[in-house]
Amino acid sequence: MIGKLADVEIHLDDPRRPDVLGLLEEHLTDMYATSPAESVHALDPDALAAPSISLWTAREDDVLLGCVALKRLSDEHAELKSMRTATAARRRGVAAALLDHVLAEARSRGHARISLETGTEDYFAPARALYVTRGFTECAPFEGYALDPNSVFLTLAL
């Protein structure tokens, strides 16, 4: 998978689909390898299948490139969860395409704000940089999160 995005399709998907399970397993493994267990807030596939959560995947020729989820916190507020790009698809704009898609979906659903939690470690620097390019700014912990030196909280008014 070399080159920029061409024929990428983003659709709602099932977090228990076999290739999505593999990507989410990789995501959880990396989260536990880079952050203390008490600071890992990634959801497992069963949690991502909850009615309050929508998961989208990006695919090219049916090859999974990445995923992102949107968790409804209230009519006004949503949370970005499980943003992940497959290793072979990195640096192609997959995360940016998924983020733009989920932001448009959040707006179309009438949410006024979207927030997220991500890590403070260097591993998460590319993700934090992407969020800032879309206008996210630091905020206080939200929706049950607590201050944690391993977490940064970001929000965006839609």
N, C-alpha and C. Protein backbone atom coordinates (compact mmCIF):
# COMPACT_ATOMS: atom_id res chain seq x y z
N MET A 1 0.84 -1.18 0.00
CA MET A 1 0.00 0.00 0.00
C MET A 1 0.88 1.24 0.00
N ILE A 2 1.19 1.70 -1.15
CA ILE A 2 2.03 2.89 -1.29
C ILE A 2 1.23 3.95 -2.00
N GLY A 3 1.49 5.19 -1.65
CA GLY A 3 0.80 6.29 -2.33
C GLY A 3 -0.29 6.87 -1.47
N LYS A 4 -0.91 7.90 -2.00
CA LYS A 4 -1.97 8.60 -1.28
C LYS A 4 -3.30 7.87 -1.45
N LEU A 5 -4.30 8.38 -0.77
CA LEU A 5 -5.63 7.77 -0.84
C LEU A 5 -6.23 7.99 -2.22
N ALA A 6 -6.77 6.95 -2.77
CA ALA A 6 -7.41 7.07 -4.08
C ALA A 6 -8.85 6.59 -3.97
N ASP A 7 -9.03 5.29 -3.93
CA ASP A 7 -10.36 4.71 -3.92
C ASP A 7 -10.73 4.21 -2.53
N VAL A 8 -10.59 5.09 -1.55
CA VAL A 8 -10.89 4.70 -0.18
C VAL A 8 -12.36 4.95 0.10
N GLU A 9 -13.00 3.97 0.71
CA GLU A 9 -14.40 4.10 1.11
C GLU A 9 -14.49 4.00 2.61
N ILE A 10 -15.30 4.87 3.21
CA ILE A 10 -15.52 4.87 4.64
C ILE A 10 -16.99 4.53 4.89
N HIS A 11 -17.20 3.46 5.68
CA HIS A 11 -18.56 2.98 5.95
C HIS A 11 -18.68 2.56 7.41
N LEU A 12 -19.92 2.58 7.92
CA LEU A 12 -20.19 1.98 9.22
C LEU A 12 -19.79 0.52 9.16
N ASP A 13 -19.29 0.01 10.26
CA ASP A 13 -18.82 -1.38 10.26
C ASP A 13 -19.05 -1.99 11.63
N ASP A 14 -18.81 -3.29 11.72
CA ASP A 14 -18.99 -4.06 12.93
C ASP A 14 -17.63 -4.26 13.59
N PRO A 15 -17.46 -3.84 14.85
CA PRO A 15 -16.17 -4.02 15.50
C PRO A 15 -15.80 -5.49 15.72
N ARG A 16 -16.75 -6.39 15.50
CA ARG A 16 -16.45 -7.83 15.67
C ARG A 16 -16.16 -8.52 14.34
N ARG A 17 -16.12 -7.76 13.25
CA ARG A 17 -15.73 -8.33 11.96
C ARG A 17 -14.27 -8.78 12.08
N PRO A 18 -13.91 -9.93 11.52
CA PRO A 18 -12.57 -10.49 11.77
C PRO A 18 -11.39 -9.54 11.54
N ASP A 19 -11.35 -8.83 10.43
CA ASP A 19 -10.19 -7.97 10.21
C ASP A 19 -10.22 -6.75 11.14
N VAL A 20 -11.41 -6.28 11.49
CA VAL A 20 -11.51 -5.16 12.43
C VAL A 20 -11.06 -5.63 13.82
N LEU A 21 -11.44 -6.84 14.20
CA LEU A 21 -10.98 -7.41 15.47
C LEU A 21 -9.46 -7.40 15.54
N GLY A 22 -8.81 -7.79 14.46
CA GLY A 22 -7.35 -7.80 14.43
C GLY A 22 -6.76 -6.41 14.60
N LEU A 23 -7.35 -5.42 13.94
CA LEU A 23 -6.86 -4.04 14.07
C LEU A 23 -7.08 -3.53 15.49
N LEU A 24 -8.23 -3.82 16.07
CA LEU A 24 -8.51 -3.37 17.43
C LEU A 24 -7.61 -4.08 18.44
N GLU A 25 -7.30 -5.33 18.20
CA GLU A 25 -6.39 -6.07 19.08
C GLU A 25 -5.00 -5.43 19.04
N GLU A 26 -4.55 -5.08 17.83
CA GLU A 26 -3.27 -4.39 17.67
C GLU A 26 -3.29 -3.05 18.42
N HIS A 27 -4.41 -2.34 18.30
CA HIS A 27 -4.57 -1.05 18.98
C HIS A 27 -4.46 -1.21 20.49
N LEU A 28 -5.20 -2.15 21.05
CA LEU A 28 -5.16 -2.36 22.50
C LEU A 28 -3.77 -2.80 22.96
N THR A 29 -3.11 -3.66 22.18
CA THR A 29 -1.76 -4.10 22.53
C THR A 29 -0.81 -2.91 22.60
N ASP A 30 -0.88 -2.02 21.60
CA ASP A 30 -0.02 -0.84 21.60
C ASP A 30 -0.36 0.11 22.75
N MET A 31 -1.64 0.23 23.08
CA MET A 31 -2.01 1.13 24.17
C MET A 31 -1.41 0.63 25.49
N TYR A 32 -1.49 -0.66 25.73
CA TYR A 32 -0.93 -1.21 26.97
C TYR A 32 0.59 -1.23 26.95
N ALA A 33 1.21 -1.23 25.78
CA ALA A 33 2.67 -1.20 25.68
C ALA A 33 3.22 0.21 25.89
N THR A 34 2.39 1.24 25.65
CA THR A 34 2.89 2.62 25.74
C THR A 34 2.38 3.39 26.94
N SER A 35 1.37 2.89 27.63
CA SER A 35 0.78 3.61 28.76
C SER A 35 0.55 2.65 29.93
N PRO A 36 0.61 3.17 31.15
CA PRO A 36 0.26 2.31 32.29
C PRO A 36 -1.18 1.83 32.15
N ALA A 37 -1.47 0.65 32.64
CA ALA A 37 -2.80 0.05 32.47
C ALA A 37 -3.92 0.96 32.95
N GLU A 38 -3.70 1.66 34.05
CA GLU A 38 -4.76 2.54 34.58
C GLU A 38 -5.01 3.77 33.71
N SER A 39 -4.12 4.01 32.75
CA SER A 39 -4.26 5.16 31.85
C SER A 39 -4.75 4.76 30.46
N VAL A 40 -5.03 3.49 30.25
CA VAL A 40 -5.54 3.02 28.96
C VAL A 40 -7.06 3.10 28.98
N HIS A 41 -7.60 3.90 28.05
CA HIS A 41 -9.05 4.09 27.98
C HIS A 41 -9.65 3.57 26.67
N ALA A 42 -8.86 2.80 25.93
CA ALA A 42 -9.35 2.23 24.68
C ALA A 42 -10.43 1.19 24.99
N LEU A 43 -11.42 1.12 24.13
CA LEU A 43 -12.52 0.19 24.32
C LEU A 43 -12.27 -1.12 23.59
N ASP A 44 -12.75 -2.20 24.16
CA ASP A 44 -12.64 -3.49 23.48
C ASP A 44 -13.77 -3.61 22.45
N PRO A 45 -13.70 -4.59 21.56
CA PRO A 45 -14.71 -4.71 20.50
C PRO A 45 -16.15 -4.82 21.00
N ASP A 46 -16.37 -5.53 22.10
CA ASP A 46 -17.74 -5.63 22.62
C ASP A 46 -18.25 -4.28 23.08
N ALA A 47 -17.41 -3.49 23.74
CA ALA A 47 -17.81 -2.15 24.17
C ALA A 47 -18.09 -1.27 22.96
N LEU A 48 -17.30 -1.43 21.90
CA LEU A 48 -17.51 -0.63 20.68
C LEU A 48 -18.79 -1.02 19.95
N ALA A 49 -19.37 -2.15 20.28
CA ALA A 49 -20.62 -2.59 19.66
C ALA A 49 -21.85 -2.04 20.39
N ALA A 50 -21.65 -1.25 21.43
CA ALA A 50 -22.78 -0.69 22.20
C ALA A 50 -23.64 0.21 21.31
N PRO A 51 -24.92 0.31 21.60
CA PRO A 51 -25.82 1.14 20.79
C PRO A 51 -25.44 2.62 20.75
N SER A 52 -24.74 3.11 21.76
CA SER A 52 -24.35 4.52 21.79
C SER A 52 -23.09 4.82 20.99
N ILE A 53 -22.52 3.79 20.35
CA ILE A 53 -21.25 3.95 19.62
C ILE A 53 -21.43 3.52 18.17
N SER A 54 -20.89 4.35 17.27
CA SER A 54 -20.83 4.01 15.85
C SER A 54 -19.37 3.87 15.47
N LEU A 55 -19.05 2.83 14.71
CA LEU A 55 -17.68 2.59 14.26
C LEU A 55 -17.64 2.60 12.74
N TRP A 56 -16.68 3.34 12.18
CA TRP A 56 -16.47 3.39 10.74
C TRP A 56 -15.11 2.81 10.42
N THR A 57 -15.03 2.17 9.27
CA THR A 57 -13.74 1.70 8.77
C THR A 57 -13.48 2.34 7.41
N ALA A 58 -12.20 2.51 7.15
CA ALA A 58 -11.74 2.96 5.83
C ALA A 58 -11.15 1.74 5.14
N ARG A 59 -11.59 1.53 3.90
CA ARG A 59 -11.13 0.38 3.13
C ARG A 59 -10.79 0.81 1.70
N GLU A 60 -9.82 0.11 1.15
CA GLU A 60 -9.44 0.30 -0.25
C GLU A 60 -9.38 -1.09 -0.86
N ASP A 61 -10.21 -1.32 -1.86
CA ASP A 61 -10.31 -2.67 -2.46
C ASP A 61 -10.57 -3.71 -1.38
N ASP A 62 -11.43 -3.39 -0.43
CA ASP A 62 -11.83 -4.23 0.69
C ASP A 62 -10.70 -4.53 1.68
N VAL A 63 -9.57 -3.84 1.56
CA VAL A 63 -8.49 -3.98 2.52
C VAL A 63 -8.68 -2.93 3.60
N LEU A 64 -8.69 -3.36 4.86
CA LEU A 64 -8.90 -2.47 5.99
C LEU A 64 -7.69 -1.55 6.17
N LEU A 65 -7.94 -0.23 6.16
CA LEU A 65 -6.88 0.75 6.34
C LEU A 65 -6.90 1.39 7.73
N GLY A 66 -8.09 1.48 8.33
CA GLY A 66 -8.18 2.11 9.64
C GLY A 66 -9.61 2.15 10.13
N CYS A 67 -9.76 2.65 11.37
CA CYS A 67 -11.08 2.76 11.96
C CYS A 67 -11.15 3.96 12.89
N VAL A 68 -12.38 4.35 13.19
CA VAL A 68 -12.65 5.41 14.16
C VAL A 68 -14.06 5.18 14.69
N ALA A 69 -14.28 5.57 15.94
CA ALA A 69 -15.60 5.42 16.53
C ALA A 69 -16.06 6.75 17.13
N LEU A 70 -17.38 6.89 17.21
CA LEU A 70 -18.01 8.06 17.81
C LEU A 70 -18.96 7.55 18.88
N LYS A 71 -18.74 8.01 20.11
CA LYS A 71 -19.58 7.63 21.24
C LYS A 71 -20.47 8.81 21.61
N ARG A 72 -21.76 8.58 21.61
CA ARG A 72 -22.71 9.62 21.99
C ARG A 72 -22.70 9.75 23.51
N LEU A 73 -22.33 10.93 24.00
CA LEU A 73 -22.37 11.20 25.44
C LEU A 73 -23.68 11.87 25.82
N SER A 74 -24.18 12.74 24.94
CA SER A 74 -25.47 13.41 25.12
C SER A 74 -25.88 13.93 23.74
N ASP A 75 -27.04 14.57 23.65
CA ASP A 75 -27.44 15.14 22.37
C ASP A 75 -26.41 16.14 21.87
N GLU A 76 -25.78 16.86 22.78
CA GLU A 76 -24.85 17.92 22.40
C GLU A 76 -23.40 17.47 22.30
N HIS A 77 -23.02 16.41 23.00
CA HIS A 77 -21.61 16.07 23.18
C HIS A 77 -21.34 14.63 22.74
N ALA A 78 -20.26 14.45 21.98
CA ALA A 78 -19.82 13.12 21.55
C ALA A 78 -18.34 12.97 21.84
N GLU A 79 -17.89 11.72 21.88
CA GLU A 79 -16.48 11.43 22.14
C GLU A 79 -15.91 10.61 20.99
N LEU A 80 -14.73 11.00 20.56
CA LEU A 80 -13.98 10.26 19.55
C LEU A 80 -13.27 9.11 20.25
N LYS A 81 -13.39 7.90 19.72
CA LYS A 81 -12.78 6.71 20.30
C LYS A 81 -12.11 5.88 19.20
N SER A 82 -11.13 5.08 19.60
CA SER A 82 -10.56 4.02 18.76
C SER A 82 -10.11 4.46 17.37
N MET A 83 -9.46 5.60 17.30
CA MET A 83 -8.87 6.03 16.03
C MET A 83 -7.60 5.20 15.82
N ARG A 84 -7.55 4.47 14.71
CA ARG A 84 -6.40 3.59 14.45
C ARG A 84 -6.19 3.45 12.95
N THR A 85 -4.94 3.57 12.52
CA THR A 85 -4.57 3.31 11.14
C THR A 85 -3.75 2.03 11.10
N ALA A 86 -4.05 1.16 10.16
CA ALA A 86 -3.28 -0.07 9.99
C ALA A 86 -1.83 0.29 9.68
N THR A 87 -0.91 -0.48 10.20
CA THR A 87 0.51 -0.19 10.03
C THR A 87 0.89 0.00 8.57
N ALA A 88 0.40 -0.85 7.69
CA ALA A 88 0.75 -0.78 6.27
C ALA A 88 0.17 0.45 5.56
N ALA A 89 -0.79 1.12 6.21
CA ALA A 89 -1.46 2.27 5.58
C ALA A 89 -1.04 3.61 6.18
N ARG A 90 -0.09 3.60 7.08
CA ARG A 90 0.31 4.85 7.74
C ARG A 90 0.96 5.81 6.76
N ARG A 91 0.82 7.09 7.08
CA ARG A 91 1.40 8.20 6.31
C ARG A 91 0.76 8.37 4.93
N ARG A 92 -0.49 7.92 4.82
CA ARG A 92 -1.22 8.06 3.55
C ARG A 92 -2.42 8.98 3.69
N GLY A 93 -2.68 9.49 4.90
CA GLY A 93 -3.82 10.36 5.10
C GLY A 93 -5.07 9.65 5.57
N VAL A 94 -4.93 8.39 5.97
CA VAL A 94 -6.08 7.60 6.42
C VAL A 94 -6.69 8.23 7.68
N ALA A 95 -5.85 8.55 8.66
CA ALA A 95 -6.37 9.12 9.91
C ALA A 95 -7.06 10.45 9.65
N ALA A 96 -6.49 11.27 8.79
CA ALA A 96 -7.12 12.57 8.47
C ALA A 96 -8.48 12.35 7.80
N ALA A 97 -8.56 11.40 6.89
CA ALA A 97 -9.84 11.12 6.22
C ALA A 97 -10.88 10.60 7.21
N LEU A 98 -10.46 9.71 8.09
CA LEU A 98 -11.39 9.19 9.10
C LEU A 98 -11.83 10.29 10.06
N LEU A 99 -10.88 11.13 10.49
CA LEU A 99 -11.24 12.21 11.40
C LEU A 99 -12.21 13.18 10.74
N ASP A 100 -11.94 13.57 9.50
CA ASP A 100 -12.85 14.48 8.79
C ASP A 100 -14.23 13.85 8.66
N HIS A 101 -14.27 12.55 8.39
CA HIS A 101 -15.56 11.86 8.25
C HIS A 101 -16.34 11.87 9.57
N VAL A 102 -15.67 11.53 10.67
CA VAL A 102 -16.37 11.46 11.95
C VAL A 102 -16.79 12.85 12.42
N LEU A 103 -16.02 13.87 12.11
CA LEU A 103 -16.43 15.24 12.47
C LEU A 103 -17.68 15.64 11.69
N ALA A 104 -17.73 15.29 10.41
CA ALA A 104 -18.92 15.58 9.61
C ALA A 104 -20.13 14.81 10.14
N GLU A 105 -19.93 13.56 10.52
CA GLU A 105 -21.02 12.76 11.09
C GLU A 105 -21.52 13.36 12.40
N ALA A 106 -20.60 13.79 13.26
CA ALA A 106 -20.99 14.39 14.54
C ALA A 106 -21.82 15.65 14.29
N ARG A 107 -21.40 16.46 13.33
CA ARG A 107 -22.17 17.66 12.99
C ARG A 107 -23.56 17.29 12.47
N SER A 108 -23.61 16.30 11.59
CA SER A 108 -24.90 15.92 11.00
C SER A 108 -25.84 15.34 12.04
N ARG A 109 -25.31 14.78 13.11
CA ARG A 109 -26.13 14.24 14.20
C ARG A 109 -26.54 15.32 15.20
N GLY A 110 -26.10 16.55 14.97
CA GLY A 110 -26.50 17.66 15.82
C GLY A 110 -25.65 17.89 17.05
N HIS A 111 -24.52 17.19 17.16
CA HIS A 111 -23.64 17.42 18.31
C HIS A 111 -23.01 18.81 18.20
N ALA A 112 -22.89 19.48 19.32
CA ALA A 112 -22.27 20.80 19.36
C ALA A 112 -20.79 20.72 19.73
N ARG A 113 -20.37 19.58 20.27
CA ARG A 113 -19.00 19.43 20.74
C ARG A 113 -18.57 17.98 20.61
N ILE A 114 -17.27 17.81 20.29
CA ILE A 114 -16.68 16.47 20.28
C ILE A 114 -15.39 16.55 21.08
N SER A 115 -15.17 15.57 21.93
CA SER A 115 -13.99 15.55 22.80
C SER A 115 -13.29 14.21 22.67
N LEU A 116 -12.07 14.15 23.17
CA LEU A 116 -11.30 12.91 23.12
C LEU A 116 -10.25 12.90 24.21
N GLU A 117 -9.78 11.71 24.51
CA GLU A 117 -8.65 11.49 25.40
C GLU A 117 -7.59 10.78 24.59
N THR A 118 -6.34 11.22 24.72
CA THR A 118 -5.23 10.53 24.09
C THR A 118 -4.04 10.59 25.02
N GLY A 119 -2.99 9.88 24.68
CA GLY A 119 -1.83 9.79 25.55
C GLY A 119 -0.90 10.98 25.42
N THR A 120 -0.08 11.16 26.46
CA THR A 120 0.91 12.23 26.47
C THR A 120 2.27 11.74 25.97
N GLU A 121 2.46 10.44 25.85
CA GLU A 121 3.74 9.89 25.43
C GLU A 121 4.05 10.29 23.97
N ASP A 122 5.33 10.24 23.61
CA ASP A 122 5.76 10.59 22.25
C ASP A 122 5.03 9.76 21.19
N TYR A 123 4.69 8.53 21.52
CA TYR A 123 3.99 7.65 20.60
C TYR A 123 2.72 8.31 20.05
N PHE A 124 2.07 9.13 20.86
CA PHE A 124 0.80 9.77 20.49
C PHE A 124 0.97 11.14 19.84
N ALA A 125 2.21 11.61 19.68
CA ALA A 125 2.44 12.95 19.12
C ALA A 125 1.82 13.14 17.74
N PRO A 126 1.92 12.18 16.81
CA PRO A 126 1.27 12.39 15.51
C PRO A 126 -0.24 12.56 15.61
N ALA A 127 -0.88 11.79 16.50
CA ALA A 127 -2.33 11.92 16.68
C ALA A 127 -2.66 13.30 17.25
N ARG A 128 -1.92 13.71 18.28
CA ARG A 128 -2.19 15.03 18.87
C ARG A 128 -2.02 16.13 17.83
N ALA A 129 -0.99 16.02 17.00
CA ALA A 129 -0.76 17.03 15.96
C ALA A 129 -1.92 17.07 14.97
N LEU A 130 -2.44 15.91 14.58
CA LEU A 130 -3.58 15.87 13.67
C LEU A 130 -4.79 16.54 14.29
N TYR A 131 -5.07 16.25 15.54
CA TYR A 131 -6.24 16.84 16.19
C TYR A 131 -6.13 18.37 16.23
N VAL A 132 -4.93 18.87 16.50
CA VAL A 132 -4.73 20.32 16.55
C VAL A 132 -4.98 20.94 15.18
N THR A 133 -4.60 20.25 14.10
CA THR A 133 -4.85 20.81 12.76
C THR A 133 -6.33 20.95 12.45
N ARG A 134 -7.16 20.20 13.16
CA ARG A 134 -8.62 20.29 12.95
C ARG A 134 -9.29 21.22 13.95
N GLY A 135 -8.48 21.87 14.81
CA GLY A 135 -9.03 22.86 15.72
C GLY A 135 -9.26 22.40 17.14
N PHE A 136 -8.90 21.17 17.48
CA PHE A 136 -9.06 20.70 18.85
C PHE A 136 -8.13 21.48 19.77
N THR A 137 -8.61 21.75 20.98
CA THR A 137 -7.81 22.43 21.99
C THR A 137 -7.91 21.64 23.30
N GLU A 138 -6.91 21.83 24.16
CA GLU A 138 -6.92 21.11 25.44
C GLU A 138 -8.10 21.54 26.28
N CYS A 139 -8.61 20.59 27.06
CA CYS A 139 -9.73 20.85 27.95
C CYS A 139 -9.55 20.03 29.22
N ALA A 140 -10.44 20.25 30.15
CA ALA A 140 -10.43 19.49 31.39
C ALA A 140 -10.96 18.08 31.12
N PRO A 141 -10.67 17.14 32.01
CA PRO A 141 -11.27 15.81 31.86
C PRO A 141 -12.79 15.92 31.78
N PHE A 142 -13.40 15.03 31.03
CA PHE A 142 -14.85 15.06 30.81
C PHE A 142 -15.41 13.67 31.03
N GLU A 143 -16.70 13.58 31.18
CA GLU A 143 -17.47 12.31 31.19
C GLU A 143 -16.79 11.18 31.96
N GLY A 144 -16.46 11.44 33.23
CA GLY A 144 -15.93 10.39 34.07
C GLY A 144 -14.43 10.22 34.06
N TYR A 145 -13.72 10.90 33.16
CA TYR A 145 -12.26 10.84 33.18
C TYR A 145 -11.74 11.64 34.37
N ALA A 146 -10.52 11.34 34.80
CA ALA A 146 -9.87 12.07 35.88
C ALA A 146 -8.52 12.59 35.38
N LEU A 147 -8.02 13.61 36.04
CA LEU A 147 -6.69 14.11 35.70
C LEU A 147 -5.70 12.94 35.78
N ASP A 148 -4.81 12.88 34.81
CA ASP A 148 -3.87 11.78 34.69
C ASP A 148 -2.66 12.31 33.92
N PRO A 149 -1.46 12.19 34.46
CA PRO A 149 -0.29 12.70 33.74
C PRO A 149 -0.03 11.98 32.41
N ASN A 150 -0.66 10.84 32.20
CA ASN A 150 -0.48 10.09 30.96
C ASN A 150 -1.58 10.36 29.93
N SER A 151 -2.51 11.26 30.26
CA SER A 151 -3.62 11.58 29.36
C SER A 151 -3.67 13.07 29.09
N VAL A 152 -4.08 13.39 27.88
CA VAL A 152 -4.43 14.77 27.51
C VAL A 152 -5.84 14.72 26.97
N PHE A 153 -6.61 15.73 27.29
CA PHE A 153 -8.01 15.81 26.88
C PHE A 153 -8.15 16.96 25.91
N LEU A 154 -8.81 16.70 24.80
CA LEU A 154 -8.99 17.71 23.75
C LEU A 154 -10.47 17.81 23.40
N THR A 155 -10.87 19.00 22.95
CA THR A 155 -12.26 19.21 22.56
C THR A 155 -12.34 20.15 21.37
N LEU A 156 -13.44 20.06 20.67
CA LEU A 156 -13.68 20.90 19.50
C LEU A 156 -15.15 21.29 19.48
N ALA A 157 -15.42 22.58 19.41
CA ALA A 157 -16.79 23.05 19.22
C ALA A 157 -17.15 22.85 17.75
N LEU A 158 -18.28 22.20 17.51
CA LEU A 158 -18.71 21.94 16.15
C LEU A 158 -19.65 23.05 15.71
